[in-house]
Amino acid sequence: MFLCKVITTRAISIRSTPFSDSSMVCLFFTESHGPLSFLIPSVRKAKAKITTAMLQPLARMEITFSFKKTGSLNRINELNPISSVWDFHPEHGVSRLFISEILSKSIRDELKDEPLFQFVWNGMNEQPYAEVALQTAAKLTEFLGFIPDLDTYEPGARWDLREGRFSKEILHPYYLQEGLSAVLIRWFMGEKDLMITSDERSRMFQAIMDYYRLHMPSFTEPKSSGLLLSF
């Protein structure tokens, strides 16, 4: 008989889906076991130990659960929220939702991925304006296996979305303009506070989404995209 192993680990809330009138199935990105799904009962009841507020997109927490290898849903024994520096500005919530949707569509295998976990976990310390959300989406490609070849960049080059490199000569429509390609490089280099106009944000967003679609065929655009671009 297989005995469940009790595990305590840090976790990030990625997606919550209603399961019944009072319960939810939640996808967490765990430090110990990668993405895992949990059944959270009675989450909408007044005296619930785990509330919907604790399960907001990209909420950080420490959980204790009984791990099963049978493929069935896991159950949480204890959940302790960890505070974030993010405030309650609407733009922050939309940015968190956007990033969580990117992760939900990108991480599928139940495998431990500590570098990706640390990147997302530490990203909670950033003020999540729309530009930071797009920068995060771009830098996630490093952990998902299709980061652009940054060594091919030179002043005047454009980001070739199809080839995943930078070039001054691109003979197809899948590229990012020269000026925004330079901004993208600075994002990858870790520079902060690089504010761009709303029009530039839209073009950068479209390029990043096209890049995901070109290199991850199953990828679909997050539903929160319109809200992200509205700020």
C-alpha atoms as a PDB file:
ATOM      1  CA  MET A   1       0.000   0.000   0.000  1.00  0.00           C
ATOM      2  CA  PHE A   2       1.322   3.433  -0.938  1.00  0.00           C
ATOM      3  CA  LEU A   3       1.506   5.865   1.948  1.00  0.00           C
ATOM      4  CA  CYS A   4       1.149   9.593   1.300  1.00  0.00           C
ATOM      5  CA  LYS A   5       4.218  11.633   2.094  1.00  0.00           C
ATOM      6  CA  VAL A   6       3.592  14.832   4.048  1.00  0.00           C
ATOM      7  CA  ILE A   7       5.506  17.719   2.468  1.00  0.00           C
ATOM      8  CA  THR A   8       5.959  21.364   3.425  1.00  0.00           C
ATOM      9  CA  THR A   9       7.029  23.661   0.611  1.00  0.00           C
ATOM     10  CA  ARG A  10       6.761  27.176  -0.753  1.00  0.00           C
ATOM     11  CA  ALA A  11       4.145  27.595  -3.459  1.00  0.00           C
ATOM     12  CA  ILE A  12       2.720  30.179  -5.867  1.00  0.00           C
ATOM     13  CA  SER A  13      -0.938  30.280  -6.862  1.00  0.00           C
ATOM     14  CA  ILE A  14      -1.299  30.043 -10.649  1.00  0.00           C
ATOM     15  CA  ARG A  15      -4.919  29.221 -11.507  1.00  0.00           C
ATOM     16  CA  SER A  16      -8.189  28.551  -9.660  1.00  0.00           C
ATOM     17  CA  THR A  17     -11.180  26.803 -11.249  1.00  0.00           C
ATOM     18  CA  PRO A  18     -14.596  26.194  -9.625  1.00  0.00           C
ATOM     19  CA  PHE A  19     -15.161  22.499  -8.848  1.00  0.00           C
ATOM     20  CA  SER A  20     -18.507  22.703  -7.068  1.00  0.00           C
ATOM     21  CA  ASP A  21     -20.650  25.363  -5.387  1.00  0.00           C
ATOM     22  CA  SER A  22     -18.162  25.724  -2.553  1.00  0.00           C
ATOM     23  CA  SER A  23     -14.882  24.122  -3.682  1.00  0.00           C
ATOM     24  CA  MET A  24     -12.159  24.898  -6.210  1.00  0.00           C
ATOM     25  CA  VAL A  25      -9.362  23.116  -8.031  1.00  0.00           C
ATOM     26  CA  CYS A  26      -6.210  25.206  -7.794  1.00  0.00           C
ATOM     27  CA  LEU A  27      -2.959  24.907  -9.710  1.00  0.00           C
ATOM     28  CA  PHE A  28       0.060  25.784  -7.581  1.00  0.00           C
ATOM     29  CA  PHE A  29       3.645  26.060  -8.732  1.00  0.00           C
ATOM     30  CA  THR A  30       5.500  24.370  -5.871  1.00  0.00           C
ATOM     31  CA  GLU A  31       9.171  24.602  -5.060  1.00  0.00           C
ATOM     32  CA  SER A  32       9.415  20.893  -4.231  1.00  0.00           C
ATOM     33  CA  HIS A  33       7.402  19.260  -7.032  1.00  0.00           C
ATOM     34  CA  GLY A  34       6.744  21.847  -9.746  1.00  0.00           C
ATOM     35  CA  PRO A  35       3.106  22.403 -10.811  1.00  0.00           C
ATOM     36  CA  LEU A  36       0.547  20.469  -8.773  1.00  0.00           C
ATOM     37  CA  SER A  37      -3.244  20.640  -8.628  1.00  0.00           C
ATOM     38  CA  PHE A  38      -5.115  20.721  -5.321  1.00  0.00           C
ATOM     39  CA  LEU A  39      -8.756  20.367  -4.348  1.00  0.00           C
ATOM     40  CA  ILE A  40      -9.672  23.172  -1.936  1.00  0.00           C
ATOM     41  CA  PRO A  41     -13.044  22.378  -0.248  1.00  0.00           C
ATOM     42  CA  SER A  42     -15.430  24.889   1.311  1.00  0.00           C
ATOM     43  CA  VAL A  43     -13.389  27.809  -0.006  1.00  0.00           C
ATOM     44  CA  ARG A  44     -16.449  30.053  -0.343  1.00  0.00           C
ATOM     45  CA  LYS A  45     -17.880  29.383   3.110  1.00  0.00           C
ATOM     46  CA  ALA A  46     -17.749  32.100   5.767  1.00  0.00           C
ATOM     47  CA  LYS A  47     -15.559  30.086   8.146  1.00  0.00           C
ATOM     48  CA  ALA A  48     -13.248  28.596   5.507  1.00  0.00           C
ATOM     49  CA  LYS A  49      -9.643  28.106   6.612  1.00  0.00           C
ATOM     50  CA  ILE A  50      -8.469  28.724   3.037  1.00  0.00           C
ATOM     51  CA  THR A  51     -10.260  31.646   1.373  1.00  0.00           C
ATOM     52  CA  THR A  52     -10.383  32.903  -2.198  1.00  0.00           C
ATOM     53  CA  ALA A  53      -8.306  35.922  -1.105  1.00  0.00           C
ATOM     54  CA  MET A  54      -5.419  33.544  -0.354  1.00  0.00           C
ATOM     55  CA  LEU A  55      -5.624  32.112  -3.887  1.00  0.00           C
ATOM     56  CA  GLN A  56      -5.253  35.286  -5.930  1.00  0.00           C
ATOM     57  CA  PRO A  57      -2.989  35.033  -9.023  1.00  0.00           C
ATOM     58  CA  LEU A  58       0.687  34.732  -8.018  1.00  0.00           C
ATOM     59  CA  ALA A  59      -0.106  34.742  -4.291  1.00  0.00           C
ATOM     60  CA  ARG A  60       2.873  33.386  -2.360  1.00  0.00           C
ATOM     61  CA  MET A  61       2.435  30.895   0.441  1.00  0.00           C
ATOM     62  CA  GLU A  62       3.861  27.975   2.363  1.00  0.00           C
ATOM     63  CA  ILE A  63       1.772  24.829   2.211  1.00  0.00           C
ATOM     64  CA  THR A  64       1.800  21.442   3.916  1.00  0.00           C
ATOM     65  CA  PHE A  65       0.132  18.653   1.971  1.00  0.00           C
ATOM     66  CA  SER A  66      -0.029  14.902   1.556  1.00  0.00           C
ATOM     67  CA  PHE A  67       1.635  14.102  -1.769  1.00  0.00           C
ATOM     68  CA  LYS A  68       0.077  11.371  -3.916  1.00  0.00           C
ATOM     69  CA  LYS A  69       1.676   9.634  -6.861  1.00  0.00           C
ATOM     70  CA  THR A  70      -1.624   8.270  -8.130  1.00  0.00           C
ATOM     71  CA  GLY A  71      -2.488  11.264 -10.309  1.00  0.00           C
ATOM     72  CA  SER A  72      -5.491  12.242  -8.176  1.00  0.00           C
ATOM     73  CA  LEU A  73      -5.891  15.721  -6.715  1.00  0.00           C
ATOM     74  CA  ASN A  74      -3.812  16.557  -3.664  1.00  0.00           C
ATOM     75  CA  ARG A  75      -5.273  17.984  -0.473  1.00  0.00           C
ATOM     76  CA  ILE A  76      -3.741  20.811   1.535  1.00  0.00           C
ATOM     77  CA  ASN A  77      -3.319  20.240   5.248  1.00  0.00           C
ATOM     78  CA  GLU A  78      -2.153  23.769   6.055  1.00  0.00           C
ATOM     79  CA  LEU A  79      -1.657  27.014   4.115  1.00  0.00           C
ATOM     80  CA  ASN A  80       0.230  30.056   5.407  1.00  0.00           C
ATOM     81  CA  PRO A  81       0.144  33.184   3.189  1.00  0.00           C
ATOM     82  CA  ILE A  82       3.365  35.134   2.737  1.00  0.00           C
ATOM     83  CA  SER A  83       2.985  38.884   2.408  1.00  0.00           C
ATOM     84  CA  SER A  84       3.939  40.732  -0.754  1.00  0.00           C
ATOM     85  CA  VAL A  85       5.103  44.304  -1.330  1.00  0.00           C
ATOM     86  CA  TRP A  86       2.494  44.683  -4.071  1.00  0.00           C
ATOM     87  CA  ASP A  87      -0.276  47.144  -3.258  1.00  0.00           C
ATOM     88  CA  PHE A  88      -3.875  47.051  -4.409  1.00  0.00           C
ATOM     89  CA  HIS A  89      -3.672  49.296  -7.492  1.00  0.00           C
ATOM     90  CA  PRO A  90      -5.856  47.734 -10.235  1.00  0.00           C
ATOM     91  CA  GLU A  91      -2.905  47.654 -12.645  1.00  0.00           C
ATOM     92  CA  HIS A  92      -0.994  45.419 -10.252  1.00  0.00           C
ATOM     93  CA  GLY A  93      -3.806  42.880 -10.099  1.00  0.00           C
ATOM     94  CA  VAL A  94      -4.098  42.800 -13.885  1.00  0.00           C
ATOM     95  CA  SER A  95      -0.326  42.347 -14.245  1.00  0.00           C
ATOM     96  CA  ARG A  96      -0.371  39.461 -11.779  1.00  0.00           C
ATOM     97  CA  LEU A  97      -3.253  37.853 -13.662  1.00  0.00           C
ATOM     98  CA  PHE A  98      -1.410  38.253 -16.982  1.00  0.00           C
ATOM     99  CA  ILE A  99       1.785  36.632 -15.681  1.00  0.00           C
ATOM    100  CA  SER A 100      -0.152  33.804 -14.013  1.00  0.00           C
ATOM    101  CA  GLU A 101      -1.937  33.099 -17.305  1.00  0.00           C
ATOM    102  CA  ILE A 102       1.406  32.960 -19.130  1.00  0.00           C
ATOM    103  CA  LEU A 103       2.645  30.430 -16.573  1.00  0.00           C
ATOM    104  CA  SER A 104      -0.574  28.418 -16.698  1.00  0.00           C
ATOM    105  CA  LYS A 105      -0.247  28.076 -20.473  1.00  0.00           C
ATOM    106  CA  SER A 106       3.502  27.333 -20.369  1.00  0.00           C
ATOM    107  CA  ILE A 107       4.304  25.002 -17.443  1.00  0.00           C
ATOM    108  CA  ARG A 108       2.594  21.663 -17.952  1.00  0.00           C
ATOM    109  CA  ASP A 109       4.910  18.912 -16.763  1.00  0.00           C
ATOM    110  CA  GLU A 110       4.807  17.989 -13.089  1.00  0.00           C
ATOM    111  CA  LEU A 111       8.546  18.351 -12.741  1.00  0.00           C
ATOM    112  CA  LYS A 112      10.560  20.320 -10.224  1.00  0.00           C
ATOM    113  CA  ASP A 113      12.019  23.447 -11.810  1.00  0.00           C
ATOM    114  CA  GLU A 114      13.817  25.378  -9.091  1.00  0.00           C
ATOM    115  CA  PRO A 115      15.355  28.109 -11.333  1.00  0.00           C
ATOM    116  CA  LEU A 116      11.934  28.977 -12.798  1.00  0.00           C
ATOM    117  CA  PHE A 117      10.323  28.858  -9.361  1.00  0.00           C
ATOM    118  CA  GLN A 118      12.938  31.209  -7.912  1.00  0.00           C
ATOM    119  CA  PHE A 119      12.537  33.611 -10.838  1.00  0.00           C
ATOM    120  CA  VAL A 120       8.770  33.838 -10.340  1.00  0.00           C
ATOM    121  CA  TRP A 121       8.995  33.910  -6.536  1.00  0.00           C
ATOM    122  CA  ASN A 122      11.573  36.701  -6.511  1.00  0.00           C
ATOM    123  CA  GLY A 123       9.556  38.599  -9.092  1.00  0.00           C
ATOM    124  CA  MET A 124       6.973  39.201  -6.398  1.00  0.00           C
ATOM    125  CA  ASN A 125       9.301  41.889  -5.063  1.00  0.00           C
ATOM    126  CA  GLU A 126       8.864  43.966  -8.215  1.00  0.00           C
ATOM    127  CA  GLN A 127       6.171  46.601  -8.579  1.00  0.00           C
ATOM    128  CA  PRO A 128       4.075  44.906 -11.271  1.00  0.00           C
ATOM    129  CA  TYR A 129       3.286  47.660 -13.737  1.00  0.00           C
ATOM    130  CA  ALA A 130       2.437  46.644 -17.300  1.00  0.00           C
ATOM    131  CA  GLU A 131       6.031  47.145 -18.474  1.00  0.00           C
ATOM    132  CA  VAL A 132       7.282  44.837 -15.705  1.00  0.00           C
ATOM    133  CA  ALA A 133       4.689  42.241 -16.713  1.00  0.00           C
ATOM    134  CA  LEU A 134       5.909  42.328 -20.315  1.00  0.00           C
ATOM    135  CA  GLN A 135       9.536  42.209 -19.188  1.00  0.00           C
ATOM    136  CA  THR A 136       8.718  39.167 -17.061  1.00  0.00           C
ATOM    137  CA  ALA A 137       6.958  37.462 -19.993  1.00  0.00           C
ATOM    138  CA  ALA A 138      10.022  38.076 -22.169  1.00  0.00           C
ATOM    139  CA  LYS A 139      12.495  36.807 -19.571  1.00  0.00           C
ATOM    140  CA  LEU A 140      10.396  33.695 -18.903  1.00  0.00           C
ATOM    141  CA  THR A 141      11.531  32.433 -22.316  1.00  0.00           C
ATOM    142  CA  GLU A 142      14.942  31.747 -20.773  1.00  0.00           C
ATOM    143  CA  PHE A 143      13.381  29.185 -18.434  1.00  0.00           C
ATOM    144  CA  LEU A 144      10.960  27.796 -21.016  1.00  0.00           C
ATOM    145  CA  GLY A 145      13.734  26.948 -23.467  1.00  0.00           C
ATOM    146  CA  PHE A 146      13.392  29.490 -26.282  1.00  0.00           C
ATOM    147  CA  ILE A 147      15.205  32.646 -25.161  1.00  0.00           C
ATOM    148  CA  PRO A 148      16.323  34.829 -28.097  1.00  0.00           C
ATOM    149  CA  ASP A 149      20.011  34.655 -29.030  1.00  0.00           C
ATOM    150  CA  LEU A 150      21.064  37.843 -27.268  1.00  0.00           C
ATOM    151  CA  ASP A 151      24.638  37.581 -28.562  1.00  0.00           C
ATOM    152  CA  THR A 152      23.430  38.392 -32.078  1.00  0.00           C
ATOM    153  CA  TYR A 153      22.288  41.877 -31.062  1.00  0.00           C
ATOM    154  CA  GLU A 154      24.085  44.950 -32.344  1.00  0.00           C
ATOM    155  CA  PRO A 155      22.911  48.575 -32.578  1.00  0.00           C
ATOM    156  CA  GLY A 156      20.438  48.912 -35.418  1.00  0.00           C
ATOM    157  CA  ALA A 157      19.399  45.248 -35.370  1.00  0.00           C
ATOM    158  CA  ARG A 158      15.797  44.091 -35.051  1.00  0.00           C
ATOM    159  CA  TRP A 159      14.395  41.123 -33.164  1.00  0.00           C
ATOM    160  CA  ASP A 160      13.636  38.321 -35.612  1.00  0.00           C
ATOM    161  CA  LEU A 161      10.728  36.540 -33.933  1.00  0.00           C
ATOM    162  CA  ARG A 162      10.751  33.530 -36.223  1.00  0.00           C
ATOM    163  CA  GLU A 163      14.486  32.806 -35.980  1.00  0.00           C
ATOM    164  CA  GLY A 164      14.891  33.857 -32.333  1.00  0.00           C
ATOM    165  CA  ARG A 165      17.820  36.164 -33.036  1.00  0.00           C
ATOM    166  CA  PHE A 166      18.625  39.761 -33.947  1.00  0.00           C
ATOM    167  CA  SER A 167      19.393  40.907 -37.467  1.00  0.00           C
ATOM    168  CA  LYS A 168      19.486  44.000 -39.688  1.00  0.00           C
ATOM    169  CA  GLU A 169      18.131  42.020 -42.636  1.00  0.00           C
ATOM    170  CA  ILE A 170      14.761  40.301 -42.097  1.00  0.00           C
ATOM    171  CA  LEU A 171      12.712  39.182 -45.095  1.00  0.00           C
ATOM    172  CA  HIS A 172       9.458  38.295 -43.328  1.00  0.00           C
ATOM    173  CA  PRO A 173       6.921  40.246 -41.221  1.00  0.00           C
ATOM    174  CA  TYR A 174       7.730  38.655 -37.849  1.00  0.00           C
ATOM    175  CA  TYR A 175      10.086  41.188 -36.279  1.00  0.00           C
ATOM    176  CA  LEU A 176      10.210  43.980 -33.694  1.00  0.00           C
ATOM    177  CA  GLN A 177      11.255  47.478 -34.696  1.00  0.00           C
ATOM    178  CA  GLU A 178      14.796  48.671 -34.065  1.00  0.00           C
ATOM    179  CA  GLY A 179      14.080  51.019 -31.140  1.00  0.00           C
ATOM    180  CA  LEU A 180      11.959  48.520 -29.213  1.00  0.00           C
ATOM    181  CA  SER A 181      14.483  45.763 -29.933  1.00  0.00           C
ATOM    182  CA  ALA A 182      17.018  47.883 -28.058  1.00  0.00           C
ATOM    183  CA  VAL A 183      14.565  48.239 -25.157  1.00  0.00           C
ATOM    184  CA  LEU A 184      14.060  44.463 -25.146  1.00  0.00           C
ATOM    185  CA  ILE A 185      17.810  43.888 -24.848  1.00  0.00           C
ATOM    186  CA  ARG A 186      17.979  46.269 -21.897  1.00  0.00           C
ATOM    187  CA  TRP A 187      15.089  44.363 -20.298  1.00  0.00           C
ATOM    188  CA  PHE A 188      17.009  41.115 -20.661  1.00  0.00           C
ATOM    189  CA  MET A 189      20.033  42.791 -19.126  1.00  0.00           C
ATOM    190  CA  GLY A 190      17.925  43.517 -16.042  1.00  0.00           C
ATOM    191  CA  GLU A 191      17.441  47.270 -16.433  1.00  0.00           C
ATOM    192  CA  LYS A 192      14.406  48.675 -14.639  1.00  0.00           C
ATOM    193  CA  ASP A 193      12.145  51.700 -15.034  1.00  0.00           C
ATOM    194  CA  LEU A 194      12.284  51.685 -18.837  1.00  0.00           C
ATOM    195  CA  MET A 195       8.892  53.296 -19.424  1.00  0.00           C
ATOM    196  CA  ILE A 196       7.460  53.150 -22.932  1.00  0.00           C
ATOM    197  CA  THR A 197       4.447  54.791 -24.549  1.00  0.00           C
ATOM    198  CA  SER A 198       1.090  53.022 -24.780  1.00  0.00           C
ATOM    199  CA  ASP A 199       1.621  52.510 -28.529  1.00  0.00           C
ATOM    200  CA  GLU A 200       5.093  51.055 -27.931  1.00  0.00           C
ATOM    201  CA  ARG A 201       3.671  48.840 -25.203  1.00  0.00           C
ATOM    202  CA  SER A 202       1.097  47.462 -27.647  1.00  0.00           C
ATOM    203  CA  ARG A 203       3.782  46.715 -30.238  1.00  0.00           C
ATOM    204  CA  MET A 204       6.059  45.111 -27.651  1.00  0.00           C
ATOM    205  CA  PHE A 205       3.151  43.051 -26.325  1.00  0.00           C
ATOM    206  CA  GLN A 206       2.229  41.823 -29.808  1.00  0.00           C
ATOM    207  CA  ALA A 207       5.838  40.861 -30.563  1.00  0.00           C
ATOM    208  CA  ILE A 208       6.206  38.882 -27.324  1.00  0.00           C
ATOM    209  CA  MET A 209       2.891  37.084 -27.863  1.00  0.00           C
ATOM    210  CA  ASP A 210       3.834  36.290 -31.486  1.00  0.00           C
ATOM    211  CA  TYR A 211       7.176  34.949 -30.256  1.00  0.00           C
ATOM    212  CA  TYR A 212       5.428  32.604 -27.810  1.00  0.00           C
ATOM    213  CA  ARG A 213       3.057  31.384 -30.522  1.00  0.00           C
ATOM    214  CA  LEU A 214       5.886  30.800 -32.992  1.00  0.00           C
ATOM    215  CA  HIS A 215       7.959  28.773 -30.517  1.00  0.00           C
ATOM    216  CA  MET A 216       5.170  27.182 -28.466  1.00  0.00           C
ATOM    217  CA  PRO A 217       2.437  26.146 -30.943  1.00  0.00           C
ATOM    218  CA  SER A 218      -0.105  25.304 -28.234  1.00  0.00           C
ATOM    219  CA  PHE A 219       0.146  28.785 -26.712  1.00  0.00           C
ATOM    220  CA  THR A 220      -2.918  31.036 -26.766  1.00  0.00           C
ATOM    221  CA  GLU A 221      -3.101  34.700 -25.826  1.00  0.00           C
ATOM    222  CA  PRO A 222      -4.030  35.402 -22.170  1.00  0.00           C
ATOM    223  CA  LYS A 223      -7.579  36.631 -21.606  1.00  0.00           C
ATOM    224  CA  SER A 224      -6.228  39.503 -19.497  1.00  0.00           C
ATOM    225  CA  SER A 225      -4.314  41.001 -22.440  1.00  0.00           C
ATOM    226  CA  GLY A 226      -6.892  43.695 -23.169  1.00  0.00           C
ATOM    227  CA  LEU A 227      -6.912  44.847 -19.557  1.00  0.00           C
ATOM    228  CA  LEU A 228      -3.119  44.930 -19.431  1.00  0.00           C
ATOM    229  CA  LEU A 229      -2.947  47.203 -22.466  1.00  0.00           C
ATOM    230  CA  SER A 230      -5.661  49.529 -21.149  1.00  0.00           C
ATOM    231  CA  PHE A 231      -3.452  51.131 -18.507  1.00  0.00           C
END
